[in-house]
Each structure stands twice: as structure tokens, then as C-alpha cells.
Amino acid sequence: MGEKLSFIIVAVTAAALAIAMLYASQEMLQDVNDAVAIKQAKISLTQAVSYAERHAHGKAARVELNDEHGEPVYRVRIINAGKTTDVHVDGKTGRILSMQGDQTDDPLAGS
């Protein structure tokens, strides 16, 4: 019985370690992608938010910079009158790439 328990403990520990290493490597890869996106971006986060707010006629609630297919793209969530609009802004030019709107921001509305 002791050998089985020892084996189970070793197996569970090894699995936990493997999961932790996988998670850490994914975090490191994300950090590298973020660094690449920041280096490539020609407009600032503040500029991207300003462009998105003017384009979607609201206020920014969340923003992130992503590396999408080797290009920096700001994703800005805009709130206006209880509705959200996700605006994608080109990190090099400031051009609005896309908008997805009419999502309710009311958690009681069941979205």
C-alpha cells in the first residue's frame, strides 16, 4: 500500500509541475508578444483610446495592446448609454480597423 501511495504522490507532483511549467512558458510567450507589439506600435495607448472614444462616441472602460499576425492592434472597449462597443485600432497608423457594438453592459440584462 505504501508503494502505491508513493507512486500516486510522485505522479500528482510531476503532473502539477508540468502544468506549472506550461503555464509559465505561456506567460513568457505572452510577455514576448506584448514586447513585440509595444515596439512596433507608433501611436500611444492614450492616442488609441482617444481615437476609439471619438469614433464610438463614448468612454473607454478597458484597453489592451495585442500582437495580431505580427501587427500591433489596440482593443478598446467603449461604453455609451449602457452599451459596449469593442473598437480595434491599428497600432501603427491609428486607423479604426473594426467595431463590434450593441452589446449590453448591464449584467442584469442577461448578455
PDB file of N, CA and C in Angstrom:
ATOM      1  N   MET A   1       0.815  -1.192   0.000  1.00  0.00           N
ATOM      2  CA  MET A   1       0.000   0.000   0.000  1.00  0.00           C
ATOM      3  C   MET A   1       0.856   1.251   0.000  1.00  0.00           C
ATOM      4  N   GLY A   2       1.978   1.247   0.684  1.00  0.00           N
ATOM      5  CA  GLY A   2       2.863   2.392   0.767  1.00  0.00           C
ATOM      6  C   GLY A   2       3.481   2.747  -0.573  1.00  0.00           C
ATOM      7  N   GLU A   3       3.831   1.720  -1.383  1.00  0.00           N
ATOM      8  CA  GLU A   3       4.424   1.978  -2.691  1.00  0.00           C
ATOM      9  C   GLU A   3       3.416   2.635  -3.626  1.00  0.00           C
ATOM     10  N   LYS A   4       2.151   2.186  -3.576  1.00  0.00           N
ATOM     11  CA  LYS A   4       1.111   2.783  -4.423  1.00  0.00           C
ATOM     12  C   LYS A   4       0.911   4.251  -4.055  1.00  0.00           C
ATOM     13  N   LEU A   5       0.870   4.530  -2.771  1.00  0.00           N
ATOM     14  CA  LEU A   5       0.677   5.903  -2.313  1.00  0.00           C
ATOM     15  C   LEU A   5       1.852   6.781  -2.740  1.00  0.00           C
ATOM     16  N   SER A   6       3.068   6.242  -2.598  1.00  0.00           N
ATOM     17  CA  SER A   6       4.251   6.987  -3.024  1.00  0.00           C
ATOM     18  C   SER A   6       4.210   7.264  -4.523  1.00  0.00           C
ATOM     19  N   PHE A   7       3.819   6.272  -5.304  1.00  0.00           N
ATOM     20  CA  PHE A   7       3.717   6.436  -6.754  1.00  0.00           C
ATOM     21  C   PHE A   7       2.688   7.507  -7.100  1.00  0.00           C
ATOM     22  N   ILE A   8       1.544   7.465  -6.435  1.00  0.00           N
ATOM     23  CA  ILE A   8       0.485   8.448  -6.698  1.00  0.00           C
ATOM     24  C   ILE A   8       0.974   9.854  -6.354  1.00  0.00           C
ATOM     25  N   ILE A   9       1.655   9.992  -5.234  1.00  0.00           N
ATOM     26  CA  ILE A   9       2.172  11.300  -4.822  1.00  0.00           C
ATOM     27  C   ILE A   9       3.182  11.810  -5.846  1.00  0.00           C
ATOM     28  N   VAL A  10       4.077  10.940  -6.301  1.00  0.00           N
ATOM     29  CA  VAL A  10       5.073  11.341  -7.300  1.00  0.00           C
ATOM     30  C   VAL A  10       4.378  11.719  -8.611  1.00  0.00           C
ATOM     31  N   ALA A  11       3.395  10.932  -9.034  1.00  0.00           N
ATOM     32  CA  ALA A  11       2.689  11.206 -10.288  1.00  0.00           C
ATOM     33  C   ALA A  11       1.930  12.527 -10.225  1.00  0.00           C
ATOM     34  N   VAL A  12       1.247  12.778  -9.126  1.00  0.00           N
ATOM     35  CA  VAL A  12       0.493  14.025  -8.964  1.00  0.00           C
ATOM     36  C   VAL A  12       1.448  15.219  -8.914  1.00  0.00           C
ATOM     37  N   THR A  13       2.549  15.062  -8.209  1.00  0.00           N
ATOM     38  CA  THR A  13       3.550  16.129  -8.131  1.00  0.00           C
ATOM     39  C   THR A  13       4.140  16.428  -9.504  1.00  0.00           C
ATOM     40  N   ALA A  14       4.456  15.392 -10.254  1.00  0.00           N
ATOM     41  CA  ALA A  14       5.008  15.567 -11.599  1.00  0.00           C
ATOM     42  C   ALA A  14       3.995  16.252 -12.515  1.00  0.00           C
ATOM     43  N   ALA A  15       2.740  15.861 -12.429  1.00  0.00           N
ATOM     44  CA  ALA A  15       1.698  16.475 -13.248  1.00  0.00           C
ATOM     45  C   ALA A  15       1.535  17.955 -12.886  1.00  0.00           C
ATOM     46  N   ALA A  16       1.535  18.255 -11.595  1.00  0.00           N
ATOM     47  CA  ALA A  16       1.401  19.639 -11.146  1.00  0.00           C
ATOM     48  C   ALA A  16       2.586  20.478 -11.632  1.00  0.00           C
ATOM     49  N   LEU A  17       3.780  19.912 -11.569  1.00  0.00           N
ATOM     50  CA  LEU A  17       4.972  20.606 -12.032  1.00  0.00           C
ATOM     51  C   LEU A  17       4.903  20.850 -13.534  1.00  0.00           C
ATOM     52  N   ALA A  18       4.448  19.874 -14.289  1.00  0.00           N
ATOM     53  CA  ALA A  18       4.325  20.022 -15.743  1.00  0.00           C
ATOM     54  C   ALA A  18       3.320  21.114 -16.089  1.00  0.00           C
ATOM     55  N   ILE A  19       2.208  21.159 -15.387  1.00  0.00           N
ATOM     56  CA  ILE A  19       1.195  22.190 -15.621  1.00  0.00           C
ATOM     57  C   ILE A  19       1.754  23.568 -15.282  1.00  0.00           C
ATOM     58  N   ALA A  20       2.460  23.667 -14.177  1.00  0.00           N
ATOM     59  CA  ALA A  20       3.061  24.946 -13.781  1.00  0.00           C
ATOM     60  C   ALA A  20       4.076  25.424 -14.812  1.00  0.00           C
ATOM     61  N   MET A  21       4.883  24.511 -15.334  1.00  0.00           N
ATOM     62  CA  MET A  21       5.872  24.875 -16.345  1.00  0.00           C
ATOM     63  C   MET A  21       5.193  25.313 -17.640  1.00  0.00           C
ATOM     64  N   LEU A  22       4.126  24.647 -18.035  1.00  0.00           N
ATOM     65  CA  LEU A  22       3.380  25.024 -19.227  1.00  0.00           C
ATOM     66  C   LEU A  22       2.782  26.412 -19.061  1.00  0.00           C
ATOM     67  N   TYR A  23       2.184  26.677 -17.913  1.00  0.00           N
ATOM     68  CA  TYR A  23       1.600  27.980 -17.637  1.00  0.00           C
ATOM     69  C   TYR A  23       2.675  29.062 -17.672  1.00  0.00           C
ATOM     70  N   ALA A  24       3.815  28.802 -17.061  1.00  0.00           N
ATOM     71  CA  ALA A  24       4.911  29.778 -17.034  1.00  0.00           C
ATOM     72  C   ALA A  24       5.424  30.048 -18.443  1.00  0.00           C
ATOM     73  N   SER A  25       5.532  29.025 -19.275  1.00  0.00           N
ATOM     74  CA  SER A  25       6.023  29.228 -20.639  1.00  0.00           C
ATOM     75  C   SER A  25       5.010  30.026 -21.460  1.00  0.00           C
ATOM     76  N   GLN A  26       3.718  29.812 -21.229  1.00  0.00           N
ATOM     77  CA  GLN A  26       2.698  30.594 -21.924  1.00  0.00           C
ATOM     78  C   GLN A  26       2.757  32.058 -21.495  1.00  0.00           C
ATOM     79  N   GLU A  27       2.979  32.294 -20.205  1.00  0.00           N
ATOM     80  CA  GLU A  27       3.100  33.660 -19.698  1.00  0.00           C
ATOM     81  C   GLU A  27       4.320  34.340 -20.317  1.00  0.00           C
ATOM     82  N   MET A  28       5.436  33.627 -20.416  1.00  0.00           N
ATOM     83  CA  MET A  28       6.644  34.193 -21.005  1.00  0.00           C
ATOM     84  C   MET A  28       6.427  34.505 -22.478  1.00  0.00           C
ATOM     85  N   LEU A  29       5.734  33.629 -23.202  1.00  0.00           N
ATOM     86  CA  LEU A  29       5.438  33.858 -24.611  1.00  0.00           C
ATOM     87  C   LEU A  29       4.547  35.085 -24.767  1.00  0.00           C
ATOM     88  N   GLN A  30       3.566  35.242 -23.891  1.00  0.00           N
ATOM     89  CA  GLN A  30       2.692  36.419 -23.946  1.00  0.00           C
ATOM     90  C   GLN A  30       3.491  37.689 -23.691  1.00  0.00           C
ATOM     91  N   ASP A  31       4.432  37.642 -22.743  1.00  0.00           N
ATOM     92  CA  ASP A  31       5.286  38.795 -22.467  1.00  0.00           C
ATOM     93  C   ASP A  31       6.111  39.169 -23.695  1.00  0.00           C
ATOM     94  N   VAL A  32       6.614  38.183 -24.400  1.00  0.00           N
ATOM     95  CA  VAL A  32       7.391  38.436 -25.621  1.00  0.00           C
ATOM     96  C   VAL A  32       6.486  39.061 -26.673  1.00  0.00           C
ATOM     97  N   ASN A  33       5.279  38.516 -26.853  1.00  0.00           N
ATOM     98  CA  ASN A  33       4.340  39.072 -27.826  1.00  0.00           C
ATOM     99  C   ASN A  33       3.987  40.516 -27.473  1.00  0.00           C
ATOM    100  N   ASP A  34       3.771  40.795 -26.186  1.00  0.00           N
ATOM    101  CA  ASP A  34       3.469  42.153 -25.744  1.00  0.00           C
ATOM    102  C   ASP A  34       4.624  43.090 -26.054  1.00  0.00           C
ATOM    103  N   ALA A  35       5.841  42.629 -25.800  1.00  0.00           N
ATOM    104  CA  ALA A  35       7.021  43.455 -26.062  1.00  0.00           C
ATOM    105  C   ALA A  35       7.152  43.767 -27.546  1.00  0.00           C
ATOM    106  N   VAL A  36       6.871  42.790 -28.395  1.00  0.00           N
ATOM    107  CA  VAL A  36       6.932  42.998 -29.843  1.00  0.00           C
ATOM    108  C   VAL A  36       5.882  44.020 -30.258  1.00  0.00           C
ATOM    109  N   ALA A  37       4.669  43.877 -29.738  1.00  0.00           N
ATOM    110  CA  ALA A  37       3.592  44.806 -30.089  1.00  0.00           C
ATOM    111  C   ALA A  37       3.930  46.222 -29.642  1.00  0.00           C
ATOM    112  N   ILE A  38       4.458  46.377 -28.440  1.00  0.00           N
ATOM    113  CA  ILE A  38       4.823  47.702 -27.934  1.00  0.00           C
ATOM    114  C   ILE A  38       5.917  48.330 -28.799  1.00  0.00           C
ATOM    115  N   LYS A  39       6.890  47.536 -29.189  1.00  0.00           N
ATOM    116  CA  LYS A  39       7.990  48.044 -30.010  1.00  0.00           C
ATOM    117  C   LYS A  39       7.488  48.494 -31.374  1.00  0.00           C
ATOM    118  N   GLN A  40       6.520  47.786 -31.934  1.00  0.00           N
ATOM    119  CA  GLN A  40       6.015  48.096 -33.266  1.00  0.00           C
ATOM    120  C   GLN A  40       5.002  49.238 -33.274  1.00  0.00           C
ATOM    121  N   ALA A  41       4.329  49.468 -32.155  1.00  0.00           N
ATOM    122  CA  ALA A  41       3.281  50.493 -32.103  1.00  0.00           C
ATOM    123  C   ALA A  41       3.890  51.876 -32.314  1.00  0.00           C
ATOM    124  N   LYS A  42       3.292  52.636 -33.183  1.00  0.00           N
ATOM    125  CA  LYS A  42       3.739  54.006 -33.459  1.00  0.00           C
ATOM    126  C   LYS A  42       2.861  55.024 -32.742  1.00  0.00           C
ATOM    127  N   ILE A  43       1.650  54.629 -32.364  1.00  0.00           N
ATOM    128  CA  ILE A  43       0.786  55.531 -31.617  1.00  0.00           C
ATOM    129  C   ILE A  43       0.724  55.042 -30.171  1.00  0.00           C
ATOM    130  N   SER A  44       0.484  55.956 -29.266  1.00  0.00           N
ATOM    131  CA  SER A  44       0.441  55.597 -27.847  1.00  0.00           C
ATOM    132  C   SER A  44      -0.912  55.012 -27.478  1.00  0.00           C
ATOM    133  N   LEU A  45      -0.946  54.396 -26.335  1.00  0.00           N
ATOM    134  CA  LEU A  45      -2.198  53.865 -25.791  1.00  0.00           C
ATOM    135  C   LEU A  45      -3.199  55.004 -25.620  1.00  0.00           C
ATOM    136  N   THR A  46      -2.749  56.153 -25.154  1.00  0.00           N
ATOM    137  CA  THR A  46      -3.620  57.311 -24.959  1.00  0.00           C
ATOM    138  C   THR A  46      -4.220  57.769 -26.281  1.00  0.00           C
ATOM    139  N   GLN A  47      -3.422  57.790 -27.337  1.00  0.00           N
ATOM    140  CA  GLN A  47      -3.935  58.172 -28.653  1.00  0.00           C
ATOM    141  C   GLN A  47      -4.974  57.169 -29.149  1.00  0.00           C
ATOM    142  N   ALA A  48      -4.691  55.883 -28.973  1.00  0.00           N
ATOM    143  CA  ALA A  48      -5.630  54.847 -29.417  1.00  0.00           C
ATOM    144  C   ALA A  48      -6.968  54.987 -28.699  1.00  0.00           C
ATOM    145  N   VAL A  49      -6.916  55.236 -27.387  1.00  0.00           N
ATOM    146  CA  VAL A  49      -8.149  55.423 -26.616  1.00  0.00           C
ATOM    147  C   VAL A  49      -8.908  56.639 -27.135  1.00  0.00           C
ATOM    148  N   SER A  50      -8.210  57.722 -27.373  1.00  0.00           N
ATOM    149  CA  SER A  50      -8.847  58.943 -27.867  1.00  0.00           C
ATOM    150  C   SER A  50      -9.541  58.698 -29.211  1.00  0.00           C
ATOM    151  N   TYR A  51      -8.856  58.033 -30.139  1.00  0.00           N
ATOM    152  CA  TYR A  51      -9.445  57.731 -31.448  1.00  0.00           C
ATOM    153  C   TYR A  51     -10.699  56.869 -31.286  1.00  0.00           C
ATOM    154  N   ALA A  52     -10.605  55.843 -30.448  1.00  0.00           N
ATOM    155  CA  ALA A  52     -11.734  54.928 -30.256  1.00  0.00           C
ATOM    156  C   ALA A  52     -12.919  55.645 -29.603  1.00  0.00           C
ATOM    157  N   GLU A  53     -12.642  56.471 -28.598  1.00  0.00           N
ATOM    158  CA  GLU A  53     -13.724  57.197 -27.929  1.00  0.00           C
ATOM    159  C   GLU A  53     -14.442  58.129 -28.902  1.00  0.00           C
ATOM    160  N   ARG A  54     -13.681  58.845 -29.718  1.00  0.00           N
ATOM    161  CA  ARG A  54     -14.309  59.742 -30.702  1.00  0.00           C
ATOM    162  C   ARG A  54     -15.098  58.957 -31.734  1.00  0.00           C
ATOM    163  N   HIS A  55     -14.554  57.848 -32.177  1.00  0.00           N
ATOM    164  CA  HIS A  55     -15.209  57.064 -33.232  1.00  0.00           C
ATOM    165  C   HIS A  55     -16.490  56.388 -32.730  1.00  0.00           C
ATOM    166  N   ALA A  56     -16.464  55.905 -31.488  1.00  0.00           N
ATOM    167  CA  ALA A  56     -17.619  55.173 -30.943  1.00  0.00           C
ATOM    168  C   ALA A  56     -18.498  56.050 -30.046  1.00  0.00           C
ATOM    169  N   HIS A  57     -18.119  57.316 -29.874  1.00  0.00           N
ATOM    170  CA  HIS A  57     -18.922  58.272 -29.102  1.00  0.00           C
ATOM    171  C   HIS A  57     -19.196  57.797 -27.679  1.00  0.00           C
ATOM    172  N   GLY A  58     -18.139  57.454 -26.960  1.00  0.00           N
ATOM    173  CA  GLY A  58     -18.297  57.006 -25.579  1.00  0.00           C
ATOM    174  C   GLY A  58     -17.002  57.149 -24.808  1.00  0.00           C
ATOM    175  N   LYS A  59     -16.934  56.457 -23.690  1.00  0.00           N
ATOM    176  CA  LYS A  59     -15.749  56.488 -22.830  1.00  0.00           C
ATOM    177  C   LYS A  59     -15.136  55.097 -22.757  1.00  0.00           C
ATOM    178  N   ALA A  60     -13.813  55.057 -22.723  1.00  0.00           N
ATOM    179  CA  ALA A  60     -13.093  53.785 -22.661  1.00  0.00           C
ATOM    180  C   ALA A  60     -13.215  53.173 -21.273  1.00  0.00           C
ATOM    181  N   ALA A  61     -13.476  51.891 -21.239  1.00  0.00           N
ATOM    182  CA  ALA A  61     -13.546  51.144 -19.983  1.00  0.00           C
ATOM    183  C   ALA A  61     -12.379  50.178 -19.859  1.00  0.00           C
ATOM    184  N   ARG A  62     -11.827  49.776 -20.994  1.00  0.00           N
ATOM    185  CA  ARG A  62     -10.739  48.789 -20.987  1.00  0.00           C
ATOM    186  C   ARG A  62      -9.957  48.933 -22.292  1.00  0.00           C
ATOM    187  N   VAL A  63      -8.656  48.721 -22.198  1.00  0.00           N
ATOM    188  CA  VAL A  63      -7.824  48.762 -23.401  1.00  0.00           C
ATOM    189  C   VAL A  63      -6.671  47.781 -23.234  1.00  0.00           C
ATOM    190  N   GLU A  64      -6.293  47.159 -24.327  1.00  0.00           N
ATOM    191  CA  GLU A  64      -5.119  46.287 -24.326  1.00  0.00           C
ATOM    192  C   GLU A  64      -4.467  46.363 -25.694  1.00  0.00           C
ATOM    193  N   LEU A  65      -3.182  46.110 -25.706  1.00  0.00           N
ATOM    194  CA  LEU A  65      -2.418  46.087 -26.947  1.00  0.00           C
ATOM    195  C   LEU A  65      -2.043  44.644 -27.227  1.00  0.00           C
ATOM    196  N   ASN A  66      -2.378  44.178 -28.419  1.00  0.00           N
ATOM    197  CA  ASN A  66      -2.099  42.795 -28.798  1.00  0.00           C
ATOM    198  C   ASN A  66      -1.254  42.753 -30.060  1.00  0.00           C
ATOM    199  N   ASP A  67      -0.542  41.665 -30.212  1.00  0.00           N
ATOM    200  CA  ASP A  67       0.184  41.367 -31.440  1.00  0.00           C
ATOM    201  C   ASP A  67      -0.720  40.448 -32.248  1.00  0.00           C
ATOM    202  N   GLU A  68      -1.320  40.990 -33.314  1.00  0.00           N
ATOM    203  CA  GLU A  68      -2.214  40.187 -34.150  1.00  0.00           C
ATOM    204  C   GLU A  68      -1.572  39.983 -35.516  1.00  0.00           C
ATOM    205  N   HIS A  69      -1.126  38.765 -35.744  1.00  0.00           N
ATOM    206  CA  HIS A  69      -0.477  38.393 -37.009  1.00  0.00           C
ATOM    207  C   HIS A  69       0.723  39.303 -37.286  1.00  0.00           C
ATOM    208  N   GLY A  70       1.475  39.605 -36.231  1.00  0.00           N
ATOM    209  CA  GLY A  70       2.673  40.412 -36.381  1.00  0.00           C
ATOM    210  C   GLY A  70       2.438  41.908 -36.397  1.00  0.00           C
ATOM    211  N   GLU A  71       1.202  42.338 -36.205  1.00  0.00           N
ATOM    212  CA  GLU A  71       0.876  43.766 -36.220  1.00  0.00           C
ATOM    213  C   GLU A  71       0.299  44.188 -34.868  1.00  0.00           C
ATOM    214  N   PRO A  72       0.672  45.382 -34.382  1.00  0.00           N
ATOM    215  CA  PRO A  72       0.129  45.854 -33.110  1.00  0.00           C
ATOM    216  C   PRO A  72      -1.306  46.359 -33.289  1.00  0.00           C
ATOM    217  N   VAL A  73      -2.213  45.874 -32.446  1.00  0.00           N
ATOM    218  CA  VAL A  73      -3.613  46.294 -32.506  1.00  0.00           C
ATOM    219  C   VAL A  73      -4.092  46.581 -31.088  1.00  0.00           C
ATOM    220  N   TYR A  74      -4.607  47.810 -30.906  1.00  0.00           N
ATOM    221  CA  TYR A  74      -5.231  48.159 -29.629  1.00  0.00           C
ATOM    222  C   TYR A  74      -6.681  47.705 -29.684  1.00  0.00           C
ATOM    223  N   ARG A  75      -7.129  47.060 -28.616  1.00  0.00           N
ATOM    224  CA  ARG A  75      -8.534  46.689 -28.469  1.00  0.00           C
ATOM    225  C   ARG A  75      -9.092  47.553 -27.352  1.00  0.00           C
ATOM    226  N   VAL A  76     -10.031  48.417 -27.699  1.00  0.00           N
ATOM    227  CA  VAL A  76     -10.571  49.383 -26.749  1.00  0.00           C
ATOM    228  C   VAL A  76     -12.059  49.093 -26.567  1.00  0.00           C
ATOM    229  N   ARG A  77     -12.477  48.892 -25.329  1.00  0.00           N
ATOM    230  CA  ARG A  77     -13.897  48.702 -25.027  1.00  0.00           C
ATOM    231  C   ARG A  77     -14.474  50.063 -24.638  1.00  0.00           C
ATOM    232  N   ILE A  78     -15.470  50.505 -25.398  1.00  0.00           N
ATOM    233  CA  ILE A  78     -16.113  51.796 -25.202  1.00  0.00           C
ATOM    234  C   ILE A  78     -17.507  51.576 -24.623  1.00  0.00           C
ATOM    235  N   ILE A  79     -17.859  52.402 -23.631  1.00  0.00           N
ATOM    236  CA  ILE A  79     -19.192  52.353 -23.023  1.00  0.00           C
ATOM    237  C   ILE A  79     -19.929  53.638 -23.389  1.00  0.00           C
ATOM    238  N   ASN A  80     -21.179  53.487 -23.813  1.00  0.00           N
ATOM    239  CA  ASN A  80     -22.028  54.638 -24.116  1.00  0.00           C
ATOM    240  C   ASN A  80     -23.474  54.226 -23.888  1.00  0.00           C
ATOM    241  N   ALA A  81     -24.130  54.899 -22.951  1.00  0.00           N
ATOM    242  CA  ALA A  81     -25.548  54.667 -22.647  1.00  0.00           C
ATOM    243  C   ALA A  81     -25.829  53.196 -22.310  1.00  0.00           C
ATOM    244  N   GLY A  82     -24.945  52.586 -21.532  1.00  0.00           N
ATOM    245  CA  GLY A  82     -25.156  51.214 -21.101  1.00  0.00           C
ATOM    246  C   GLY A  82     -24.831  50.156 -22.136  1.00  0.00           C
ATOM    247  N   LYS A  83     -24.336  50.560 -23.288  1.00  0.00           N
ATOM    248  CA  LYS A  83     -23.958  49.613 -24.344  1.00  0.00           C
ATOM    249  C   LYS A  83     -22.448  49.653 -24.512  1.00  0.00           C
ATOM    250  N   THR A  84     -21.881  48.542 -24.907  1.00  0.00           N
ATOM    251  CA  THR A  84     -20.435  48.494 -25.142  1.00  0.00           C
ATOM    252  C   THR A  84     -20.156  48.315 -26.623  1.00  0.00           C
ATOM    253  N   THR A  85     -19.045  48.879 -27.028  1.00  0.00           N
ATOM    254  CA  THR A  85     -18.554  48.718 -28.388  1.00  0.00           C
ATOM    255  C   THR A  85     -17.075  48.388 -28.293  1.00  0.00           C
ATOM    256  N   ASP A  86     -16.654  47.324 -28.933  1.00  0.00           N
ATOM    257  CA  ASP A  86     -15.240  46.960 -28.996  1.00  0.00           C
ATOM    258  C   ASP A  86     -14.664  47.543 -30.275  1.00  0.00           C
ATOM    259  N   VAL A  87     -13.664  48.405 -30.109  1.00  0.00           N
ATOM    260  CA  VAL A  87     -13.037  49.092 -31.232  1.00  0.00           C
ATOM    261  C   VAL A  87     -11.603  48.595 -31.356  1.00  0.00           C
ATOM    262  N   HIS A  88     -11.220  48.170 -32.545  1.00  0.00           N
ATOM    263  CA  HIS A  88      -9.850  47.741 -32.831  1.00  0.00           C
ATOM    264  C   HIS A  88      -9.156  48.861 -33.589  1.00  0.00           C
ATOM    265  N   VAL A  89      -8.034  49.320 -33.030  1.00  0.00           N
ATOM    266  CA  VAL A  89      -7.289  50.450 -33.581  1.00  0.00           C
ATOM    267  C   VAL A  89      -5.906  49.968 -34.020  1.00  0.00           C
ATOM    268  N   ASP A  90      -5.539  50.276 -35.258  1.00  0.00           N
ATOM    269  CA  ASP A  90      -4.218  49.920 -35.773  1.00  0.00           C
ATOM    270  C   ASP A  90      -3.156  50.641 -34.948  1.00  0.00           C
ATOM    271  N   GLY A  91      -2.239  49.894 -34.375  1.00  0.00           N
ATOM    272  CA  GLY A  91      -1.211  50.456 -33.515  1.00  0.00           C
ATOM    273  C   GLY A  91      -0.146  51.234 -34.245  1.00  0.00           C
ATOM    274  N   LYS A  92      -0.090  51.101 -35.553  1.00  0.00           N
ATOM    275  CA  LYS A  92       0.901  51.843 -36.333  1.00  0.00           C
ATOM    276  C   LYS A  92       0.327  53.138 -36.893  1.00  0.00           C
ATOM    277  N   THR A  93      -0.930  53.095 -37.319  1.00  0.00           N
ATOM    278  CA  THR A  93      -1.498  54.246 -38.030  1.00  0.00           C
ATOM    279  C   THR A  93      -2.593  54.971 -37.251  1.00  0.00           C
ATOM    280  N   GLY A  94      -3.212  54.303 -36.284  1.00  0.00           N
ATOM    281  CA  GLY A  94      -4.344  54.888 -35.574  1.00  0.00           C
ATOM    282  C   GLY A  94      -5.662  54.692 -36.300  1.00  0.00           C
ATOM    283  N   ARG A  95      -5.621  54.012 -37.433  1.00  0.00           N
ATOM    284  CA  ARG A  95      -6.836  53.763 -38.215  1.00  0.00           C
ATOM    285  C   ARG A  95      -7.746  52.797 -37.461  1.00  0.00           C
ATOM    286  N   ILE A  96      -9.046  53.038 -37.492  1.00  0.00           N
ATOM    287  CA  ILE A  96     -10.017  52.127 -36.895  1.00  0.00           C
ATOM    288  C   ILE A  96     -10.144  50.924 -37.822  1.00  0.00           C
ATOM    289  N   LEU A  97      -9.832  49.749 -37.289  1.00  0.00           N
ATOM    290  CA  LEU A  97      -9.871  48.525 -38.090  1.00  0.00           C
ATOM    291  C   LEU A  97     -11.245  47.886 -38.094  1.00  0.00           C
ATOM    292  N   SER A  98     -11.895  47.898 -36.925  1.00  0.00           N
ATOM    293  CA  SER A  98     -13.228  47.306 -36.840  1.00  0.00           C
ATOM    294  C   SER A  98     -13.912  47.769 -35.562  1.00  0.00           C
ATOM    295  N   MET A  99     -15.231  47.642 -35.569  1.00  0.00           N
ATOM    296  CA  MET A  99     -16.047  47.933 -34.385  1.00  0.00           C
ATOM    297  C   MET A  99     -17.119  46.867 -34.277  1.00  0.00           C
ATOM    298  N   GLN A 100     -17.324  46.391 -33.061  1.00  0.00           N
ATOM    299  CA  GLN A 100     -18.428  45.478 -32.791  1.00  0.00           C
ATOM    300  C   GLN A 100     -19.215  46.093 -31.656  1.00  0.00           C
ATOM    301  N   GLY A 101     -20.480  46.378 -31.898  1.00  0.00           N
ATOM    302  CA  GLY A 101     -21.233  47.102 -30.895  1.00  0.00           C
ATOM    303  C   GLY A 101     -22.532  46.459 -30.510  1.00  0.00           C
ATOM    304  N   ASP A 102     -23.290  47.269 -29.779  1.00  0.00           N
ATOM    305  CA  ASP A 102     -24.627  46.903 -29.311  1.00  0.00           C
ATOM    306  C   ASP A 102     -24.630  45.729 -28.363  1.00  0.00           C
ATOM    307  N   GLN A 103     -23.580  45.575 -27.599  1.00  0.00           N
ATOM    308  CA  GLN A 103     -23.557  44.574 -26.537  1.00  0.00           C
ATOM    309  C   GLN A 103     -23.955  45.294 -25.266  1.00  0.00           C
ATOM    310  N   THR A 104     -24.910  44.774 -24.557  1.00  0.00           N
ATOM    311  CA  THR A 104     -25.340  45.441 -23.346  1.00  0.00           C
ATOM    312  C   THR A 104     -24.268  45.316 -22.276  1.00  0.00           C
ATOM    313  N   ASP A 105     -24.108  46.366 -21.496  1.00  0.00           N
ATOM    314  CA  ASP A 105     -23.154  46.362 -20.394  1.00  0.00           C
ATOM    315  C   ASP A 105     -23.870  46.145 -19.060  1.00  0.00           C
ATOM    316  N   ASP A 106     -25.140  45.807 -19.129  1.00  0.00           N
ATOM    317  CA  ASP A 106     -25.939  45.613 -17.928  1.00  0.00           C
ATOM    318  C   ASP A 106     -25.927  44.129 -17.547  1.00  0.00           C
ATOM    319  N   PRO A 107     -25.292  43.749 -16.423  1.00  0.00           N
ATOM    320  CA  PRO A 107     -25.197  42.333 -16.063  1.00  0.00           C
ATOM    321  C   PRO A 107     -26.562  41.718 -15.773  1.00  0.00           C
ATOM    322  N   LEU A 108     -27.558  42.531 -15.499  1.00  0.00           N
ATOM    323  CA  LEU A 108     -28.902  42.004 -15.217  1.00  0.00           C
ATOM    324  C   LEU A 108     -29.689  41.741 -16.491  1.00  0.00           C
ATOM    325  N   ALA A 109     -29.165  42.201 -17.629  1.00  0.00           N
ATOM    326  CA  ALA A 109     -29.881  42.044 -18.882  1.00  0.00           C
ATOM    327  C   ALA A 109     -29.676  40.669 -19.508  1.00  0.00           C
ATOM    328  N   GLY A 110     -28.752  39.892 -18.950  1.00  0.00           N
ATOM    329  CA  GLY A 110     -28.563  38.509 -19.420  1.00  0.00           C
ATOM    330  C   GLY A 110     -27.749  38.378 -20.670  1.00  0.00           C
ATOM    331  N   SER A 111     -26.785  39.239 -20.887  1.00  0.00           N
ATOM    332  CA  SER A 111     -25.955  39.117 -22.077  1.00  0.00           C
ATOM    333  C   SER A 111     -24.857  38.110 -21.893  1.00  0.00           C
TER     334      SER A 111
END
